[in-house]
C-alpha atoms as a PDB file:
ATOM      1  CA  UNK A   1      13.065 -69.081 -55.479  1.00  0.00           C
ATOM      2  CA  UNK A   2       8.908 -68.182 -55.952  1.00  0.00           C
ATOM      3  CA  UNK A   3       8.262 -71.936 -54.739  1.00  0.00           C
ATOM      4  CA  UNK A   4      10.187 -71.331 -52.020  1.00  0.00           C
ATOM      5  CA  UNK A   5       8.825 -67.963 -51.424  1.00  0.00           C
ATOM      6  CA  UNK A   6       4.728 -69.235 -51.551  1.00  0.00           C
ATOM      7  CA  UNK A   7       5.861 -72.059 -49.241  1.00  0.00           C
ATOM      8  CA  UNK A   8       7.468 -69.951 -46.854  1.00  0.00           C
ATOM      9  CA  UNK A   9       4.225 -67.296 -47.258  1.00  0.00           C
ATOM     10  CA  UNK A  10       1.990 -70.462 -46.370  1.00  0.00           C
ATOM     11  CA  UNK A  11       3.991 -71.603 -43.520  1.00  0.00           C
ATOM     12  CA  UNK A  12       4.499 -68.205 -41.605  1.00  0.00           C
ATOM     13  CA  UNK A  13       0.638 -67.482 -42.773  1.00  0.00           C
ATOM     14  CA  UNK A  14      -0.363 -70.701 -40.961  1.00  0.00           C
ATOM     15  CA  UNK A  15       1.918 -69.944 -37.763  1.00  0.00           C
ATOM     16  CA  UNK A  16       0.191 -66.332 -37.665  1.00  0.00           C
ATOM     17  CA  UNK A  17      -3.284 -67.984 -37.501  1.00  0.00           C
ATOM     18  CA  UNK A  18      -2.154 -70.420 -35.022  1.00  0.00           C
ATOM     19  CA  UNK A  19      -0.856 -67.142 -32.831  1.00  0.00           C
ATOM     20  CA  UNK A  20      -4.152 -65.382 -33.593  1.00  0.00           C
ATOM     21  CA  UNK A  21      -6.141 -68.563 -32.088  1.00  0.00           C
ATOM     22  CA  UNK A  22      -4.042 -68.256 -28.908  1.00  0.00           C
ATOM     23  CA  UNK A  23      -4.655 -64.549 -28.517  1.00  0.00           C
ATOM     24  CA  UNK A  24      -8.405 -65.337 -28.926  1.00  0.00           C
ATOM     25  CA  UNK A  25      -8.116 -67.281 -25.774  1.00  0.00           C
ATOM     26  CA  UNK A  26      -5.725 -65.216 -23.742  1.00  0.00           C
ATOM     27  CA  UNK A  27      -6.663 -61.677 -25.008  1.00  0.00           C
ATOM     28  CA  UNK A  28      -3.150 -60.481 -23.964  1.00  0.00           C
ATOM     29  CA  UNK A  29      -1.821 -56.937 -23.180  1.00  0.00           C
ATOM     30  CA  UNK A  30       0.624 -55.890 -25.878  1.00  0.00           C
ATOM     31  CA  UNK A  31       2.946 -53.254 -26.539  1.00  0.00           C
ATOM     32  CA  UNK A  32       3.929 -52.020 -29.931  1.00  0.00           C
ATOM     33  CA  UNK A  33       5.921 -49.552 -31.590  1.00  0.00           C
ATOM     34  CA  UNK A  34       5.537 -48.604 -35.480  1.00  0.00           C
ATOM     35  CA  UNK A  35       7.209 -46.025 -37.550  1.00  0.00           C
ATOM     36  CA  UNK A  36       6.102 -43.358 -40.482  1.00  0.00           C
ATOM     37  CA  UNK A  37       9.735 -43.649 -41.711  1.00  0.00           C
ATOM     38  CA  UNK A  38      10.509 -41.218 -44.730  1.00  0.00           C
ATOM     39  CA  UNK A  39      13.552 -41.153 -46.937  1.00  0.00           C
ATOM     40  CA  UNK A  40      15.413 -37.669 -47.484  1.00  0.00           C
ATOM     41  CA  UNK A  41      13.221 -36.956 -50.545  1.00  0.00           C
ATOM     42  CA  UNK A  42      10.271 -37.190 -47.766  1.00  0.00           C
ATOM     43  CA  UNK A  43       8.677 -40.886 -49.633  1.00  0.00           C
ATOM     44  CA  UNK A  44       7.251 -43.006 -46.811  1.00  0.00           C
ATOM     45  CA  UNK A  45       8.567 -46.271 -46.550  1.00  0.00           C
ATOM     46  CA  UNK A  46       6.427 -49.607 -46.443  1.00  0.00           C
ATOM     47  CA  UNK A  47       6.755 -53.132 -46.151  1.00  0.00           C
ATOM     48  CA  UNK A  48       4.759 -56.296 -47.096  1.00  0.00           C
ATOM     49  CA  UNK A  49       4.732 -59.200 -44.625  1.00  0.00           C
ATOM     50  CA  UNK A  50       4.589 -62.613 -45.776  1.00  0.00           C
ATOM     51  CA  UNK A  51       2.256 -63.774 -43.432  1.00  0.00           C
ATOM     52  CA  UNK A  52      -0.170 -60.685 -43.735  1.00  0.00           C
ATOM     53  CA  UNK A  53      -2.215 -58.787 -46.807  1.00  0.00           C
ATOM     54  CA  UNK A  54      -1.148 -55.396 -47.704  1.00  0.00           C
ATOM     55  CA  UNK A  55       1.785 -52.629 -47.529  1.00  0.00           C
ATOM     56  CA  UNK A  56       1.911 -51.248 -44.145  1.00  0.00           C
ATOM     57  CA  UNK A  57       4.393 -49.303 -41.976  1.00  0.00           C
ATOM     58  CA  UNK A  58       7.460 -50.995 -40.197  1.00  0.00           C
ATOM     59  CA  UNK A  59       6.954 -52.186 -36.629  1.00  0.00           C
ATOM     60  CA  UNK A  60       6.126 -54.909 -34.116  1.00  0.00           C
ATOM     61  CA  UNK A  61       6.236 -55.475 -30.376  1.00  0.00           C
ATOM     62  CA  UNK A  62       8.192 -54.211 -27.528  1.00  0.00           C
ATOM     63  CA  UNK A  63       8.689 -55.021 -24.148  1.00  0.00           C
ATOM     64  CA  UNK A  64       6.602 -53.363 -21.232  1.00  0.00           C
ATOM     65  CA  UNK A  65       9.596 -50.843 -20.100  1.00  0.00           C
ATOM     66  CA  UNK A  66      11.457 -50.748 -23.661  1.00  0.00           C
ATOM     67  CA  UNK A  67      11.319 -47.410 -24.798  1.00  0.00           C
ATOM     68  CA  UNK A  68       9.536 -47.065 -28.046  1.00  0.00           C
ATOM     69  CA  UNK A  69      11.825 -44.984 -29.826  1.00  0.00           C
ATOM     70  CA  UNK A  70      14.352 -48.031 -29.082  1.00  0.00           C
ATOM     71  CA  UNK A  71      12.054 -50.507 -30.429  1.00  0.00           C
ATOM     72  CA  UNK A  72      10.978 -48.882 -33.448  1.00  0.00           C
ATOM     73  CA  UNK A  73      14.655 -48.576 -34.635  1.00  0.00           C
ATOM     74  CA  UNK A  74      15.321 -51.863 -33.953  1.00  0.00           C
ATOM     75  CA  UNK A  75      12.417 -52.648 -35.903  1.00  0.00           C
ATOM     76  CA  UNK A  76      13.458 -50.744 -39.035  1.00  0.00           C
ATOM     77  CA  UNK A  77      16.941 -52.335 -38.595  1.00  0.00           C
ATOM     78  CA  UNK A  78      15.407 -55.833 -38.961  1.00  0.00           C
ATOM     79  CA  UNK A  79      12.354 -54.845 -41.527  1.00  0.00           C
ATOM     80  CA  UNK A  80      13.886 -52.644 -43.778  1.00  0.00           C
ATOM     81  CA  UNK A  81      17.598 -52.703 -43.354  1.00  0.00           C
ATOM     82  CA  UNK A  82      17.843 -48.974 -42.272  1.00  0.00           C
ATOM     83  CA  UNK A  83      21.466 -47.961 -42.195  1.00  0.00           C
ATOM     84  CA  UNK A  84      21.218 -44.218 -41.169  1.00  0.00           C
ATOM     85  CA  UNK A  85      18.269 -41.849 -39.867  1.00  0.00           C
ATOM     86  CA  UNK A  86      17.799 -38.288 -38.753  1.00  0.00           C
ATOM     87  CA  UNK A  87      15.151 -37.088 -36.082  1.00  0.00           C
ATOM     88  CA  UNK A  88      13.138 -39.379 -34.307  1.00  0.00           C
ATOM     89  CA  UNK A  89      10.260 -38.216 -32.612  1.00  0.00           C
ATOM     90  CA  UNK A  90       7.182 -39.850 -30.715  1.00  0.00           C
ATOM     91  CA  UNK A  91       4.062 -38.529 -32.497  1.00  0.00           C
ATOM     92  CA  UNK A  92       1.008 -40.265 -30.064  1.00  0.00           C
ATOM     93  CA  UNK A  93       0.076 -43.488 -28.094  1.00  0.00           C
ATOM     94  CA  UNK A  94      -2.858 -45.123 -29.311  1.00  0.00           C
ATOM     95  CA  UNK A  95      -4.691 -48.002 -27.514  1.00  0.00           C
ATOM     96  CA  UNK A  96      -5.871 -50.354 -30.284  1.00  0.00           C
ATOM     97  CA  UNK A  97      -7.733 -53.949 -30.412  1.00  0.00           C
ATOM     98  CA  UNK A  98      -5.578 -55.825 -32.864  1.00  0.00           C
ATOM     99  CA  UNK A  99      -6.214 -59.669 -33.671  1.00  0.00           C
ATOM    100  CA  UNK A 100      -7.923 -60.167 -30.278  1.00  0.00           C
ATOM    101  CA  UNK A 101      -4.963 -58.351 -28.266  1.00  0.00           C
ATOM    102  CA  UNK A 102      -5.371 -55.008 -26.213  1.00  0.00           C
ATOM    103  CA  UNK A 103      -2.475 -53.116 -27.670  1.00  0.00           C
ATOM    104  CA  UNK A 104      -0.768 -50.059 -26.932  1.00  0.00           C
ATOM    105  CA  UNK A 105       0.788 -48.621 -30.088  1.00  0.00           C
ATOM    106  CA  UNK A 106       3.418 -46.087 -30.332  1.00  0.00           C
ATOM    107  CA  UNK A 107       3.425 -44.430 -33.493  1.00  0.00           C
ATOM    108  CA  UNK A 108       6.825 -42.676 -34.065  1.00  0.00           C
ATOM    109  CA  UNK A 109       7.925 -40.201 -36.948  1.00  0.00           C
ATOM    110  CA  UNK A 110      11.572 -41.018 -38.222  1.00  0.00           C
ATOM    111  CA  UNK A 111      12.923 -38.710 -40.682  1.00  0.00           C
ATOM    112  CA  UNK A 112      15.618 -39.105 -43.324  1.00  0.00           C
ATOM    113  CA  UNK A 113      15.787 -42.727 -43.219  1.00  0.00           C
ATOM    114  CA  UNK A 114      18.298 -44.297 -45.568  1.00  0.00           C
ATOM    115  CA  UNK A 115      18.007 -47.992 -46.089  1.00  0.00           C
ATOM    116  CA  UNK A 116      19.162 -51.181 -47.685  1.00  0.00           C
ATOM    117  CA  UNK A 117      16.526 -54.008 -47.999  1.00  0.00           C
ATOM    118  CA  UNK A 118      17.856 -57.427 -47.115  1.00  0.00           C
ATOM    119  CA  UNK A 119      16.191 -61.070 -47.101  1.00  0.00           C
ATOM    120  CA  UNK A 120      14.060 -61.622 -43.890  1.00  0.00           C
ATOM    121  CA  UNK A 121      11.766 -64.445 -43.273  1.00  0.00           C
ATOM    122  CA  UNK A 122       8.930 -61.836 -41.996  1.00  0.00           C
ATOM    123  CA  UNK A 123       9.397 -59.305 -44.945  1.00  0.00           C
ATOM    124  CA  UNK A 124       8.689 -59.693 -48.099  1.00  0.00           C
ATOM    125  CA  UNK A 125       9.122 -56.466 -49.864  1.00  0.00           C
ATOM    126  CA  UNK A 126      10.273 -53.062 -48.940  1.00  0.00           C
ATOM    127  CA  UNK A 127       9.574 -49.645 -50.784  1.00  0.00           C
ATOM    128  CA  UNK A 128       8.589 -46.251 -50.532  1.00  0.00           C
ATOM    129  CA  UNK A 129       6.447 -44.166 -51.683  1.00  0.00           C
ATOM    130  CA  UNK A 130       5.364 -40.400 -51.741  1.00  0.00           C
ATOM    131  CA  UNK A 131       2.239 -40.097 -49.045  1.00  0.00           C
ATOM    132  CA  UNK A 132      -0.165 -39.039 -51.492  1.00  0.00           C
ATOM    133  CA  UNK A 133       0.571 -42.116 -53.930  1.00  0.00           C
ATOM    134  CA  UNK A 134       0.182 -45.109 -51.553  1.00  0.00           C
ATOM    135  CA  UNK A 135      -0.615 -48.313 -53.309  1.00  0.00           C
ATOM    136  CA  UNK A 136      -4.196 -49.634 -53.115  1.00  0.00           C
ATOM    137  CA  UNK A 137      -3.471 -52.406 -50.851  1.00  0.00           C
ATOM    138  CA  UNK A 138      -2.185 -50.300 -48.090  1.00  0.00           C
ATOM    139  CA  UNK A 139      -3.629 -51.966 -44.987  1.00  0.00           C
ATOM    140  CA  UNK A 140      -6.605 -49.749 -43.504  1.00  0.00           C
ATOM    141  CA  UNK A 141      -4.455 -49.262 -40.183  1.00  0.00           C
ATOM    142  CA  UNK A 142      -1.425 -47.718 -42.051  1.00  0.00           C
ATOM    143  CA  UNK A 143      -4.339 -45.345 -43.710  1.00  0.00           C
ATOM    144  CA  UNK A 144      -5.995 -44.532 -40.233  1.00  0.00           C
ATOM    145  CA  UNK A 145      -2.375 -44.135 -38.625  1.00  0.00           C
ATOM    146  CA  UNK A 146      -1.289 -41.494 -41.247  1.00  0.00           C
ATOM    147  CA  UNK A 147      -4.759 -39.367 -41.048  1.00  0.00           C
ATOM    148  CA  UNK A 148      -3.994 -39.583 -37.260  1.00  0.00           C
ATOM    149  CA  UNK A 149      -0.427 -37.978 -37.616  1.00  0.00           C
ATOM    150  CA  UNK A 150      -1.055 -35.974 -40.881  1.00  0.00           C
ATOM    151  CA  UNK A 151      -0.831 -32.608 -38.562  1.00  0.00           C
ATOM    152  CA  UNK A 152       2.654 -33.662 -37.117  1.00  0.00           C
ATOM    153  CA  UNK A 153       4.021 -34.816 -40.554  1.00  0.00           C
ATOM    154  CA  UNK A 154       4.959 -31.442 -41.824  1.00  0.00           C
ATOM    155  CA  UNK A 155       6.834 -30.192 -38.568  1.00  0.00           C
ATOM    156  CA  UNK A 156      10.453 -30.396 -39.379  1.00  0.00           C
END
């Protein structure tokens, strides 16, 4: 199965690079929703995507009029196999330039997440970590978002 994963990673990475090329030309306005999802024992859930390096918070795109909370919960169900959650709160929205896109990223905090990872095309691995012991290959955007939201993380 390792060779199949390698082939899938190569194909998805190539497709993502092609998308980035179209974004370079079009410079689209996009909307995202990303969740700092915490297990009941306060570990942060991160994902590793097949087409991009590093550990990152789960999330993705949302439609212009889709509520950020709905999009973030949908992404958690899709990416980590979330089966239950507690409190959900919008922490902030950030304007970001990502991969030649102009993105409005909604960052949400989702507490008491219970999940059961399942195989998906997009996500290679799901794991949870103490917030002060993240893996060395955690993405810069994830680290930046955690620092931005740190004042909100201890509010229960």
